N, C-alpha and C. Protein backbone atom coordinates (compact mmCIF):
# COMPACT_ATOMS: atom_id res chain seq x y z
N MET A 1 -7.21 9.27 39.52
CA MET A 1 -8.15 9.66 38.45
C MET A 1 -8.75 11.04 38.70
N PHE A 2 -8.95 11.40 39.98
CA PHE A 2 -9.50 12.72 40.27
C PHE A 2 -8.56 13.82 39.78
N VAL A 3 -7.27 13.63 40.04
CA VAL A 3 -6.28 14.63 39.61
C VAL A 3 -6.27 14.72 38.09
N PHE A 4 -6.34 13.58 37.42
CA PHE A 4 -6.36 13.55 35.95
C PHE A 4 -7.58 14.30 35.41
N ALA A 5 -8.76 14.05 35.99
CA ALA A 5 -9.98 14.71 35.54
C ALA A 5 -9.92 16.21 35.79
N ALA A 6 -9.46 16.60 36.98
CA ALA A 6 -9.37 18.02 37.32
C ALA A 6 -8.37 18.73 36.41
N TRP A 7 -7.27 18.07 36.16
CA TRP A 7 -6.21 18.59 35.29
C TRP A 7 -6.76 18.80 33.87
N SER A 8 -7.48 17.84 33.36
CA SER A 8 -8.07 17.93 32.02
C SER A 8 -9.10 19.05 31.95
N LEU A 9 -9.96 19.12 32.96
CA LEU A 9 -11.01 20.14 32.97
C LEU A 9 -10.43 21.54 33.04
N LEU A 10 -9.34 21.71 33.76
CA LEU A 10 -8.70 23.03 33.86
C LEU A 10 -8.20 23.48 32.49
N ILE A 11 -7.52 22.59 31.78
CA ILE A 11 -6.99 22.97 30.47
C ILE A 11 -8.12 23.20 29.48
N LEU A 12 -9.17 22.38 29.55
CA LEU A 12 -10.33 22.59 28.68
C LEU A 12 -11.01 23.92 28.99
N PHE A 13 -11.04 24.29 30.24
CA PHE A 13 -11.62 25.58 30.63
C PHE A 13 -10.84 26.72 29.98
N PHE A 14 -9.52 26.63 29.97
CA PHE A 14 -8.71 27.66 29.32
C PHE A 14 -9.02 27.76 27.83
N CYS A 15 -9.33 26.64 27.21
CA CYS A 15 -9.69 26.65 25.79
C CYS A 15 -11.01 27.38 25.56
N VAL A 16 -11.96 27.17 26.46
CA VAL A 16 -13.24 27.88 26.36
C VAL A 16 -13.03 29.38 26.55
N VAL A 17 -12.19 29.74 27.51
CA VAL A 17 -11.87 31.16 27.72
C VAL A 17 -11.24 31.75 26.45
N ALA A 18 -10.35 30.98 25.83
CA ALA A 18 -9.72 31.44 24.58
C ALA A 18 -10.75 31.66 23.49
N SER A 19 -11.74 30.76 23.41
CA SER A 19 -12.79 30.92 22.40
C SER A 19 -13.63 32.16 22.68
N TYR A 20 -13.87 32.45 23.96
CA TYR A 20 -14.63 33.65 24.33
C TYR A 20 -13.87 34.92 23.93
N ILE A 21 -12.58 34.96 24.24
CA ILE A 21 -11.77 36.13 23.89
C ILE A 21 -11.66 36.27 22.37
N ALA A 22 -11.53 35.14 21.68
CA ALA A 22 -11.47 35.18 20.22
C ALA A 22 -12.75 35.78 19.64
N LYS A 23 -13.88 35.41 20.22
CA LYS A 23 -15.15 35.95 19.76
C LYS A 23 -15.24 37.44 20.04
N ARG A 24 -14.84 37.85 21.25
CA ARG A 24 -14.93 39.25 21.63
C ARG A 24 -13.99 40.13 20.81
N THR A 25 -12.83 39.61 20.46
CA THR A 25 -11.85 40.38 19.70
C THR A 25 -12.02 40.23 18.19
N ARG A 26 -12.94 39.33 17.81
CA ARG A 26 -13.21 39.07 16.39
C ARG A 26 -11.95 38.64 15.65
N SER A 27 -11.17 37.82 16.29
CA SER A 27 -9.93 37.33 15.70
C SER A 27 -9.63 35.93 16.23
N SER A 28 -9.08 35.11 15.37
CA SER A 28 -8.71 33.75 15.77
C SER A 28 -7.35 33.70 16.46
N ASP A 29 -6.69 34.84 16.54
CA ASP A 29 -5.31 34.85 17.04
C ASP A 29 -5.17 34.28 18.44
N PHE A 30 -6.15 34.52 19.31
CA PHE A 30 -6.04 34.03 20.68
C PHE A 30 -6.12 32.50 20.73
N LEU A 31 -6.96 31.92 19.89
CA LEU A 31 -7.03 30.46 19.81
C LEU A 31 -5.73 29.89 19.26
N VAL A 32 -5.17 30.54 18.25
CA VAL A 32 -3.90 30.09 17.68
C VAL A 32 -2.79 30.18 18.72
N ALA A 33 -2.77 31.27 19.47
CA ALA A 33 -1.75 31.45 20.52
C ALA A 33 -1.89 30.39 21.61
N THR A 34 -3.12 30.08 22.00
CA THR A 34 -3.36 29.05 23.01
C THR A 34 -2.90 27.69 22.50
N PHE A 35 -3.17 27.42 21.24
CA PHE A 35 -2.72 26.17 20.62
C PHE A 35 -1.20 26.06 20.68
N ALA A 36 -0.51 27.11 20.24
CA ALA A 36 0.96 27.09 20.22
C ALA A 36 1.52 26.95 21.63
N ALA A 37 0.89 27.63 22.60
CA ALA A 37 1.35 27.54 23.99
C ALA A 37 1.23 26.12 24.52
N LEU A 38 0.12 25.46 24.23
CA LEU A 38 -0.08 24.09 24.71
C LEU A 38 0.90 23.11 24.04
N VAL A 39 1.20 23.36 22.78
CA VAL A 39 2.17 22.50 22.08
C VAL A 39 3.54 22.61 22.75
N VAL A 40 3.96 23.84 23.05
CA VAL A 40 5.25 24.05 23.72
C VAL A 40 5.23 23.45 25.12
N ILE A 41 4.15 23.70 25.87
CA ILE A 41 4.02 23.14 27.22
C ILE A 41 4.10 21.62 27.18
N ALA A 42 3.44 21.02 26.18
CA ALA A 42 3.46 19.56 26.06
C ALA A 42 4.87 19.04 25.86
N ASN A 43 5.65 19.72 25.04
CA ASN A 43 7.00 19.25 24.77
C ASN A 43 7.92 19.41 25.97
N ILE A 44 7.66 20.39 26.80
CA ILE A 44 8.47 20.56 28.01
C ILE A 44 8.08 19.53 29.07
N THR A 45 6.79 19.33 29.27
CA THR A 45 6.33 18.41 30.32
C THR A 45 6.43 16.94 29.93
N ALA A 46 6.73 16.68 28.66
CA ALA A 46 6.82 15.29 28.19
C ALA A 46 7.98 14.53 28.83
N VAL A 47 8.92 15.25 29.45
CA VAL A 47 10.08 14.58 30.04
C VAL A 47 9.70 13.79 31.29
N LYS A 48 8.52 14.09 31.85
CA LYS A 48 8.08 13.34 33.04
C LYS A 48 7.08 12.27 32.63
N ILE A 49 7.26 11.08 33.16
CA ILE A 49 6.33 9.98 32.90
C ILE A 49 5.48 9.78 34.16
N THR A 50 4.18 9.72 33.96
CA THR A 50 3.26 9.52 35.08
C THR A 50 2.37 8.31 34.78
N THR A 51 1.51 7.96 35.69
CA THR A 51 0.57 6.86 35.45
C THR A 51 -0.85 7.36 35.63
N ILE A 52 -1.70 7.00 34.68
CA ILE A 52 -3.12 7.34 34.73
C ILE A 52 -3.91 6.07 34.50
N ALA A 53 -4.70 5.69 35.48
CA ALA A 53 -5.50 4.46 35.42
C ALA A 53 -4.64 3.25 35.10
N GLY A 54 -3.43 3.26 35.63
CA GLY A 54 -2.53 2.13 35.42
C GLY A 54 -1.70 2.19 34.16
N PHE A 55 -1.92 3.21 33.32
CA PHE A 55 -1.16 3.34 32.08
C PHE A 55 -0.03 4.35 32.26
N ALA A 56 1.17 3.98 31.80
CA ALA A 56 2.30 4.90 31.86
C ALA A 56 2.23 5.85 30.66
N VAL A 57 2.14 7.14 30.95
CA VAL A 57 2.01 8.14 29.89
C VAL A 57 2.87 9.36 30.24
N PRO A 58 3.30 10.12 29.23
CA PRO A 58 4.02 11.36 29.54
C PRO A 58 3.08 12.38 30.17
N ALA A 59 3.62 13.23 31.02
CA ALA A 59 2.79 14.25 31.68
C ALA A 59 2.21 15.24 30.67
N ALA A 60 2.71 15.18 29.45
CA ALA A 60 2.22 16.08 28.39
C ALA A 60 0.90 15.62 27.78
N VAL A 61 0.42 14.46 28.16
CA VAL A 61 -0.69 13.83 27.44
C VAL A 61 -1.94 14.70 27.42
N VAL A 62 -2.25 15.38 28.50
CA VAL A 62 -3.46 16.20 28.53
C VAL A 62 -3.29 17.46 27.69
N ALA A 63 -2.21 18.20 27.93
CA ALA A 63 -1.98 19.44 27.18
C ALA A 63 -1.96 19.18 25.68
N TYR A 64 -1.27 18.13 25.27
CA TYR A 64 -1.17 17.87 23.83
C TYR A 64 -2.50 17.38 23.26
N SER A 65 -3.20 16.54 23.98
CA SER A 65 -4.47 16.03 23.49
C SER A 65 -5.47 17.14 23.25
N VAL A 66 -5.45 18.15 24.11
CA VAL A 66 -6.41 19.25 23.98
C VAL A 66 -6.13 20.12 22.76
N THR A 67 -4.91 20.06 22.22
CA THR A 67 -4.62 20.85 21.02
C THR A 67 -5.52 20.44 19.85
N PHE A 68 -5.97 19.19 19.85
CA PHE A 68 -6.85 18.73 18.77
C PHE A 68 -8.23 19.38 18.89
N LEU A 69 -8.65 19.67 20.12
CA LEU A 69 -9.89 20.41 20.32
C LEU A 69 -9.76 21.81 19.74
N LEU A 70 -8.62 22.43 19.93
CA LEU A 70 -8.42 23.80 19.44
C LEU A 70 -8.44 23.86 17.91
N THR A 71 -7.84 22.89 17.25
CA THR A 71 -7.90 22.91 15.78
C THR A 71 -9.33 22.66 15.31
N ASP A 72 -10.08 21.85 16.06
CA ASP A 72 -11.49 21.65 15.72
C ASP A 72 -12.28 22.95 15.90
N MET A 73 -11.98 23.69 16.96
CA MET A 73 -12.64 24.99 17.16
C MET A 73 -12.33 25.94 16.00
N LEU A 74 -11.07 25.99 15.63
CA LEU A 74 -10.68 26.88 14.54
C LEU A 74 -11.35 26.47 13.23
N SER A 75 -11.44 25.16 13.01
CA SER A 75 -12.10 24.66 11.81
C SER A 75 -13.59 24.99 11.81
N GLU A 76 -14.22 24.83 12.97
CA GLU A 76 -15.66 25.03 13.07
C GLU A 76 -16.04 26.51 13.02
N PHE A 77 -15.30 27.34 13.72
CA PHE A 77 -15.68 28.74 13.86
C PHE A 77 -15.08 29.65 12.78
N TYR A 78 -13.97 29.22 12.20
CA TYR A 78 -13.29 30.07 11.22
C TYR A 78 -13.16 29.35 9.87
N SER A 79 -12.09 28.60 9.69
CA SER A 79 -11.90 27.93 8.40
C SER A 79 -10.80 26.89 8.51
N LYS A 80 -10.73 26.05 7.50
CA LYS A 80 -9.65 25.07 7.43
C LYS A 80 -8.29 25.77 7.40
N ARG A 81 -8.25 26.89 6.68
CA ARG A 81 -7.00 27.64 6.57
C ARG A 81 -6.51 28.10 7.94
N GLU A 82 -7.41 28.59 8.78
CA GLU A 82 -7.02 29.04 10.12
C GLU A 82 -6.52 27.89 10.96
N ALA A 83 -7.13 26.73 10.83
CA ALA A 83 -6.67 25.56 11.58
C ALA A 83 -5.28 25.14 11.14
N HIS A 84 -5.05 25.13 9.83
CA HIS A 84 -3.70 24.81 9.33
C HIS A 84 -2.69 25.86 9.79
N ARG A 85 -3.11 27.11 9.86
CA ARG A 85 -2.22 28.18 10.33
C ARG A 85 -1.78 27.92 11.77
N ALA A 86 -2.71 27.44 12.59
CA ALA A 86 -2.37 27.12 13.97
C ALA A 86 -1.36 25.97 14.04
N VAL A 87 -1.55 24.97 13.18
CA VAL A 87 -0.62 23.82 13.17
C VAL A 87 0.79 24.29 12.84
N TRP A 88 0.91 25.15 11.83
CA TRP A 88 2.24 25.63 11.46
C TRP A 88 2.82 26.57 12.52
N ALA A 89 1.95 27.34 13.18
CA ALA A 89 2.42 28.19 14.28
C ALA A 89 2.97 27.34 15.42
N GLY A 90 2.27 26.25 15.72
CA GLY A 90 2.74 25.34 16.76
C GLY A 90 4.05 24.67 16.38
N PHE A 91 4.18 24.32 15.11
CA PHE A 91 5.43 23.70 14.63
C PHE A 91 6.59 24.68 14.77
N TYR A 92 6.36 25.93 14.37
CA TYR A 92 7.41 26.94 14.48
C TYR A 92 7.78 27.17 15.94
N ALA A 93 6.78 27.20 16.81
CA ALA A 93 7.05 27.35 18.25
C ALA A 93 7.90 26.20 18.76
N ASN A 94 7.64 25.00 18.25
CA ASN A 94 8.44 23.82 18.62
C ASN A 94 9.88 23.95 18.17
N VAL A 95 10.08 24.44 16.95
CA VAL A 95 11.43 24.63 16.41
C VAL A 95 12.20 25.61 17.29
N ILE A 96 11.55 26.71 17.68
CA ILE A 96 12.19 27.69 18.56
C ILE A 96 12.55 27.04 19.90
N LEU A 97 11.61 26.26 20.45
CA LEU A 97 11.85 25.58 21.72
C LEU A 97 13.07 24.67 21.64
N VAL A 98 13.13 23.87 20.60
CA VAL A 98 14.25 22.94 20.44
C VAL A 98 15.57 23.69 20.35
N ALA A 99 15.59 24.77 19.56
CA ALA A 99 16.83 25.54 19.37
C ALA A 99 17.28 26.19 20.67
N VAL A 100 16.34 26.80 21.39
CA VAL A 100 16.68 27.50 22.63
C VAL A 100 17.15 26.52 23.71
N ILE A 101 16.46 25.39 23.84
CA ILE A 101 16.85 24.40 24.84
C ILE A 101 18.23 23.81 24.52
N ALA A 102 18.49 23.56 23.23
CA ALA A 102 19.79 23.01 22.83
C ALA A 102 20.92 23.94 23.24
N VAL A 103 20.71 25.23 23.07
CA VAL A 103 21.73 26.20 23.47
C VAL A 103 21.84 26.27 24.99
N ALA A 104 20.69 26.31 25.67
CA ALA A 104 20.69 26.43 27.13
C ALA A 104 21.41 25.26 27.80
N VAL A 105 21.23 24.07 27.26
CA VAL A 105 21.88 22.89 27.83
C VAL A 105 23.40 23.01 27.74
N HIS A 106 23.89 23.60 26.66
CA HIS A 106 25.34 23.65 26.43
C HIS A 106 26.00 24.91 26.96
N LEU A 107 25.21 25.85 27.49
CA LEU A 107 25.82 27.02 28.11
C LEU A 107 26.58 26.60 29.37
N PRO A 108 27.76 27.15 29.59
CA PRO A 108 28.51 26.78 30.81
C PRO A 108 27.78 27.27 32.06
N PRO A 109 27.62 26.41 33.05
CA PRO A 109 26.94 26.83 34.28
C PRO A 109 27.80 27.77 35.11
N ALA A 110 27.17 28.62 35.88
CA ALA A 110 27.90 29.48 36.82
C ALA A 110 28.57 28.61 37.88
N PRO A 111 29.70 29.03 38.39
CA PRO A 111 30.44 28.21 39.36
C PRO A 111 29.61 27.79 40.58
N PHE A 112 28.69 28.65 41.01
CA PHE A 112 27.91 28.35 42.21
C PHE A 112 26.65 27.54 41.91
N TRP A 113 26.34 27.32 40.63
CA TRP A 113 25.10 26.61 40.27
C TRP A 113 25.40 25.13 40.14
N GLN A 114 24.75 24.31 40.96
CA GLN A 114 25.12 22.90 41.08
C GLN A 114 24.12 21.95 40.40
N HIS A 115 23.33 22.43 39.47
CA HIS A 115 22.26 21.60 38.93
C HIS A 115 22.41 21.30 37.43
N GLN A 116 23.61 21.46 36.91
CA GLN A 116 23.81 21.25 35.47
C GLN A 116 23.49 19.82 35.06
N GLU A 117 23.89 18.85 35.86
CA GLU A 117 23.64 17.45 35.51
C GLU A 117 22.15 17.15 35.46
N ALA A 118 21.41 17.66 36.45
CA ALA A 118 19.95 17.45 36.46
C ALA A 118 19.31 18.16 35.27
N PHE A 119 19.79 19.35 34.96
CA PHE A 119 19.25 20.11 33.82
C PHE A 119 19.48 19.35 32.52
N GLU A 120 20.67 18.80 32.35
CA GLU A 120 20.98 18.03 31.15
C GLU A 120 20.13 16.76 31.07
N THR A 121 19.92 16.12 32.21
CA THR A 121 19.10 14.91 32.24
C THR A 121 17.69 15.20 31.75
N LEU A 122 17.14 16.32 32.17
CA LEU A 122 15.77 16.68 31.81
C LEU A 122 15.65 17.18 30.37
N PHE A 123 16.61 17.98 29.93
CA PHE A 123 16.40 18.71 28.69
C PHE A 123 17.34 18.37 27.54
N SER A 124 18.27 17.44 27.74
CA SER A 124 19.11 17.05 26.61
C SER A 124 18.23 16.43 25.53
N LEU A 125 18.39 16.91 24.32
CA LEU A 125 17.53 16.50 23.22
C LEU A 125 18.10 15.30 22.49
N VAL A 126 17.30 14.27 22.38
CA VAL A 126 17.70 13.08 21.61
C VAL A 126 17.16 13.27 20.19
N PRO A 127 18.04 13.35 19.18
CA PRO A 127 17.59 13.64 17.81
C PRO A 127 16.45 12.75 17.33
N ARG A 128 16.50 11.48 17.66
CA ARG A 128 15.46 10.56 17.20
C ARG A 128 14.11 10.91 17.82
N ILE A 129 14.12 11.30 19.09
CA ILE A 129 12.88 11.67 19.78
C ILE A 129 12.31 12.96 19.17
N VAL A 130 13.18 13.92 18.91
CA VAL A 130 12.75 15.18 18.31
C VAL A 130 12.15 14.93 16.93
N LEU A 131 12.82 14.10 16.12
CA LEU A 131 12.32 13.78 14.79
C LEU A 131 10.96 13.10 14.87
N ALA A 132 10.83 12.13 15.78
CA ALA A 132 9.57 11.41 15.94
C ALA A 132 8.45 12.37 16.35
N SER A 133 8.74 13.27 17.27
CA SER A 133 7.76 14.22 17.75
C SER A 133 7.30 15.15 16.64
N MET A 134 8.24 15.68 15.88
CA MET A 134 7.91 16.63 14.81
C MET A 134 7.08 15.97 13.71
N LEU A 135 7.49 14.78 13.29
CA LEU A 135 6.77 14.08 12.21
C LEU A 135 5.36 13.70 12.66
N ALA A 136 5.26 13.13 13.84
CA ALA A 136 3.94 12.72 14.36
C ALA A 136 3.03 13.93 14.49
N TYR A 137 3.58 15.03 14.96
CA TYR A 137 2.80 16.26 15.13
C TYR A 137 2.25 16.76 13.79
N LEU A 138 3.12 16.90 12.80
CA LEU A 138 2.69 17.45 11.52
C LEU A 138 1.65 16.56 10.83
N VAL A 139 1.90 15.26 10.82
CA VAL A 139 0.98 14.34 10.14
C VAL A 139 -0.37 14.30 10.85
N SER A 140 -0.36 14.12 12.16
CA SER A 140 -1.63 13.95 12.89
C SER A 140 -2.45 15.24 12.95
N GLN A 141 -1.79 16.38 13.14
CA GLN A 141 -2.54 17.63 13.26
C GLN A 141 -3.16 18.04 11.93
N HIS A 142 -2.41 17.90 10.84
CA HIS A 142 -2.98 18.23 9.53
C HIS A 142 -4.09 17.25 9.16
N PHE A 143 -3.91 15.99 9.52
CA PHE A 143 -4.97 15.00 9.26
C PHE A 143 -6.23 15.37 10.02
N ASP A 144 -6.07 15.82 11.26
CA ASP A 144 -7.23 16.18 12.07
C ASP A 144 -8.05 17.28 11.40
N VAL A 145 -7.37 18.29 10.87
CA VAL A 145 -8.06 19.39 10.20
C VAL A 145 -8.81 18.89 8.96
N ILE A 146 -8.13 18.07 8.17
CA ILE A 146 -8.74 17.53 6.94
C ILE A 146 -9.94 16.64 7.29
N ALA A 147 -9.77 15.76 8.28
CA ALA A 147 -10.85 14.85 8.67
C ALA A 147 -12.05 15.59 9.23
N PHE A 148 -11.80 16.63 10.01
CA PHE A 148 -12.89 17.42 10.57
C PHE A 148 -13.75 18.00 9.46
N HIS A 149 -13.12 18.57 8.45
CA HIS A 149 -13.88 19.18 7.35
C HIS A 149 -14.52 18.11 6.46
N PHE A 150 -13.91 16.96 6.37
CA PHE A 150 -14.51 15.87 5.61
C PHE A 150 -15.85 15.48 6.23
N TRP A 151 -15.85 15.28 7.56
CA TRP A 151 -17.08 14.90 8.25
C TRP A 151 -18.09 16.03 8.28
N LYS A 152 -17.61 17.25 8.31
CA LYS A 152 -18.53 18.40 8.28
C LYS A 152 -19.29 18.44 6.95
N GLN A 153 -18.59 18.17 5.87
CA GLN A 153 -19.24 18.16 4.55
C GLN A 153 -20.18 16.96 4.41
N LYS A 154 -19.74 15.81 4.90
CA LYS A 154 -20.55 14.60 4.78
C LYS A 154 -21.86 14.71 5.56
N THR A 155 -21.83 15.41 6.66
CA THR A 155 -23.04 15.52 7.51
C THR A 155 -23.80 16.82 7.27
N GLY A 156 -23.35 17.61 6.32
CA GLY A 156 -24.03 18.87 6.03
C GLY A 156 -23.98 19.85 7.19
N GLY A 157 -22.91 19.82 7.93
CA GLY A 157 -22.75 20.73 9.06
C GLY A 157 -23.47 20.29 10.32
N LYS A 158 -24.12 19.12 10.30
CA LYS A 158 -24.81 18.61 11.49
C LYS A 158 -23.87 17.71 12.30
N TYR A 159 -24.35 17.30 13.47
CA TYR A 159 -23.65 16.32 14.31
C TYR A 159 -22.22 16.78 14.64
N LEU A 160 -22.12 17.91 15.31
CA LEU A 160 -20.81 18.41 15.73
C LEU A 160 -20.04 17.38 16.53
N TRP A 161 -20.75 16.65 17.41
CA TRP A 161 -20.08 15.65 18.25
C TRP A 161 -19.39 14.58 17.39
N LEU A 162 -19.98 14.26 16.22
CA LEU A 162 -19.42 13.22 15.37
C LEU A 162 -18.11 13.67 14.75
N ARG A 163 -18.10 14.86 14.14
CA ARG A 163 -16.87 15.29 13.48
C ARG A 163 -15.79 15.64 14.50
N ASN A 164 -16.20 16.15 15.66
CA ASN A 164 -15.23 16.44 16.71
C ASN A 164 -14.53 15.17 17.18
N ASN A 165 -15.31 14.13 17.46
CA ASN A 165 -14.72 12.89 17.97
C ASN A 165 -14.10 12.02 16.88
N ALA A 166 -14.75 11.93 15.73
CA ALA A 166 -14.22 11.08 14.66
C ALA A 166 -12.85 11.56 14.18
N SER A 167 -12.72 12.87 14.00
CA SER A 167 -11.44 13.40 13.54
C SER A 167 -10.36 13.27 14.61
N THR A 168 -10.72 13.60 15.85
CA THR A 168 -9.74 13.58 16.93
C THR A 168 -9.29 12.17 17.28
N MET A 169 -10.21 11.23 17.34
CA MET A 169 -9.84 9.88 17.75
C MET A 169 -8.88 9.21 16.76
N VAL A 170 -9.13 9.41 15.48
CA VAL A 170 -8.22 8.83 14.49
C VAL A 170 -6.89 9.56 14.51
N SER A 171 -6.94 10.87 14.60
CA SER A 171 -5.70 11.67 14.61
C SER A 171 -4.84 11.33 15.81
N GLN A 172 -5.47 11.13 16.96
CA GLN A 172 -4.72 10.78 18.16
C GLN A 172 -4.03 9.43 18.01
N PHE A 173 -4.70 8.49 17.34
CA PHE A 173 -4.06 7.19 17.14
C PHE A 173 -2.86 7.33 16.20
N ILE A 174 -3.03 8.10 15.13
CA ILE A 174 -1.92 8.32 14.19
C ILE A 174 -0.74 8.95 14.92
N ASP A 175 -1.01 9.95 15.73
CA ASP A 175 0.05 10.63 16.46
C ASP A 175 0.78 9.68 17.40
N THR A 176 0.01 8.93 18.18
CA THR A 176 0.60 8.01 19.16
C THR A 176 1.41 6.91 18.49
N ALA A 177 0.83 6.30 17.47
CA ALA A 177 1.50 5.19 16.78
C ALA A 177 2.78 5.66 16.08
N LEU A 178 2.70 6.80 15.40
CA LEU A 178 3.88 7.32 14.70
C LEU A 178 5.00 7.67 15.67
N PHE A 179 4.65 8.41 16.72
CA PHE A 179 5.69 8.86 17.65
C PHE A 179 6.39 7.69 18.33
N ILE A 180 5.63 6.79 18.92
CA ILE A 180 6.24 5.71 19.68
C ILE A 180 7.02 4.76 18.77
N THR A 181 6.48 4.50 17.58
CA THR A 181 7.18 3.60 16.65
C THR A 181 8.50 4.20 16.18
N ILE A 182 8.47 5.47 15.75
CA ILE A 182 9.69 6.11 15.25
C ILE A 182 10.70 6.30 16.37
N ALA A 183 10.21 6.69 17.54
CA ALA A 183 11.11 7.01 18.65
C ALA A 183 11.75 5.77 19.29
N PHE A 184 11.03 4.64 19.33
CA PHE A 184 11.50 3.53 20.15
C PHE A 184 11.64 2.19 19.41
N TYR A 185 11.30 2.16 18.13
CA TYR A 185 11.40 0.89 17.41
C TYR A 185 12.86 0.40 17.39
N GLY A 186 13.04 -0.86 17.66
CA GLY A 186 14.37 -1.46 17.64
C GLY A 186 15.04 -1.53 19.00
N ILE A 187 14.48 -0.85 20.00
CA ILE A 187 15.03 -0.91 21.35
C ILE A 187 14.64 -2.25 21.97
N PRO A 188 15.60 -3.04 22.41
CA PRO A 188 15.28 -4.37 22.95
C PRO A 188 14.29 -4.33 24.11
N ASN A 189 13.29 -5.18 24.02
CA ASN A 189 12.29 -5.37 25.08
C ASN A 189 11.42 -4.14 25.34
N PHE A 190 11.44 -3.18 24.45
CA PHE A 190 10.58 -2.01 24.65
C PHE A 190 9.15 -2.36 24.24
N PRO A 191 8.17 -2.18 25.12
CA PRO A 191 6.79 -2.61 24.85
C PRO A 191 6.04 -1.60 23.95
N ILE A 192 6.37 -1.59 22.68
CA ILE A 192 5.80 -0.59 21.77
C ILE A 192 4.28 -0.68 21.70
N VAL A 193 3.76 -1.88 21.49
CA VAL A 193 2.31 -2.04 21.34
C VAL A 193 1.59 -1.63 22.62
N GLN A 194 2.10 -2.05 23.76
CA GLN A 194 1.47 -1.71 25.03
C GLN A 194 1.49 -0.20 25.27
N MET A 195 2.60 0.45 24.90
CA MET A 195 2.70 1.90 25.09
C MET A 195 1.72 2.64 24.18
N ILE A 196 1.60 2.17 22.94
CA ILE A 196 0.66 2.80 22.00
C ILE A 196 -0.77 2.67 22.53
N LEU A 197 -1.15 1.46 22.92
CA LEU A 197 -2.51 1.21 23.40
C LEU A 197 -2.81 1.98 24.68
N GLY A 198 -1.86 1.99 25.61
CA GLY A 198 -2.06 2.68 26.87
C GLY A 198 -2.27 4.17 26.69
N GLN A 199 -1.39 4.79 25.91
CA GLN A 199 -1.53 6.23 25.68
C GLN A 199 -2.79 6.55 24.90
N TYR A 200 -3.14 5.67 23.97
CA TYR A 200 -4.32 5.93 23.16
C TYR A 200 -5.60 5.87 23.99
N VAL A 201 -5.66 4.94 24.92
CA VAL A 201 -6.84 4.83 25.79
C VAL A 201 -7.01 6.13 26.59
N VAL A 202 -5.92 6.66 27.12
CA VAL A 202 -5.99 7.91 27.89
C VAL A 202 -6.41 9.06 26.99
N LYS A 203 -5.88 9.10 25.78
CA LYS A 203 -6.25 10.17 24.84
C LYS A 203 -7.71 10.08 24.41
N LEU A 204 -8.22 8.86 24.30
CA LEU A 204 -9.64 8.69 23.97
C LEU A 204 -10.52 9.27 25.08
N ALA A 205 -10.10 9.05 26.32
CA ALA A 205 -10.86 9.58 27.45
C ALA A 205 -10.90 11.10 27.41
N ILE A 206 -9.78 11.71 27.06
CA ILE A 206 -9.71 13.17 26.98
C ILE A 206 -10.57 13.66 25.81
N ALA A 207 -10.52 12.94 24.69
CA ALA A 207 -11.32 13.31 23.51
C ALA A 207 -12.81 13.30 23.84
N ALA A 208 -13.23 12.29 24.59
CA ALA A 208 -14.64 12.21 24.98
C ALA A 208 -15.00 13.33 25.95
N LEU A 209 -14.07 13.67 26.82
CA LEU A 209 -14.30 14.71 27.82
C LEU A 209 -14.42 16.09 27.19
N ASP A 210 -13.75 16.30 26.05
CA ASP A 210 -13.74 17.65 25.47
C ASP A 210 -14.99 18.00 24.67
N THR A 211 -15.86 17.00 24.37
CA THR A 211 -17.05 17.25 23.54
C THR A 211 -17.97 18.32 24.12
N PRO A 212 -18.34 18.27 25.41
CA PRO A 212 -19.19 19.33 25.96
C PRO A 212 -18.57 20.72 25.84
N PHE A 213 -17.24 20.78 25.95
CA PHE A 213 -16.55 22.06 25.85
C PHE A 213 -16.59 22.59 24.41
N MET A 214 -16.61 21.68 23.46
CA MET A 214 -16.75 22.09 22.07
C MET A 214 -18.12 22.73 21.85
N TYR A 215 -19.16 22.12 22.41
CA TYR A 215 -20.51 22.67 22.28
C TYR A 215 -20.64 24.01 23.02
N LEU A 216 -20.04 24.11 24.19
CA LEU A 216 -20.07 25.36 24.95
C LEU A 216 -19.39 26.47 24.16
N SER A 217 -18.26 26.17 23.57
CA SER A 217 -17.54 27.17 22.77
C SER A 217 -18.35 27.59 21.55
N ARG A 218 -19.06 26.64 20.97
CA ARG A 218 -19.90 27.00 19.81
C ARG A 218 -21.01 27.96 20.22
N GLU A 219 -21.60 27.73 21.40
CA GLU A 219 -22.63 28.64 21.89
C GLU A 219 -22.05 30.03 22.14
N ILE A 220 -20.85 30.07 22.69
CA ILE A 220 -20.19 31.36 22.91
C ILE A 220 -19.96 32.06 21.56
N TYR A 221 -19.50 31.30 20.60
CA TYR A 221 -19.22 31.88 19.30
C TYR A 221 -20.49 32.40 18.62
N ARG A 222 -21.59 31.64 18.75
CA ARG A 222 -22.84 32.03 18.11
C ARG A 222 -23.50 33.24 18.79
N ARG A 223 -23.48 33.25 20.10
CA ARG A 223 -24.23 34.27 20.83
C ARG A 223 -23.37 35.46 21.23
N GLY A 224 -22.07 35.20 21.38
CA GLY A 224 -21.18 36.30 21.72
C GLY A 224 -21.15 36.66 23.19
N PHE A 225 -22.25 36.40 23.91
CA PHE A 225 -22.34 36.71 25.33
C PHE A 225 -21.80 38.12 25.63
């Protein structure tokens, strides 16, 4: 759990740094770039499965979960349009990643390079997994932006903690349920419900952990430091 907490705090720290640079440069581009980078990192690290508090989750769980904080930052500090722009930028970055990896896997290895089999094991793309990932990403991320602004209007701009957590927690469930169901439904004895619940519990912990960082970023944005 210590490694998980430290890992989460490190990535959240980078998000705060991104918000500071965005404020200093008077542009949302750095937040958008950080979002796209984390989306790509999540898709690369997802090939490893780890355990957190007894739950089996992909190593991408922290990097990807934090992307919802970034869209909330963009929504809060800039606009719904900027948040949607980040989502599409992340999607495009994913498309590039998939295309480049697909080519890299099929390039003939040099005669002296003995790791082609391991490389293929890690990076061979399963179409169903890619489809599940893309659909879950688009639906959940756009929902998060819409939900954040819904709660912002309902509360008159008050209770940042509420819209940050309410939008993220529902979006995370949508993402987890869609991905695991599309990717693994029909596989004999695959524990779909347990996998959804396990990953969702870990994502809820990350969502709760990111709230202070959202407030810190808002202070940076307001004061400029």
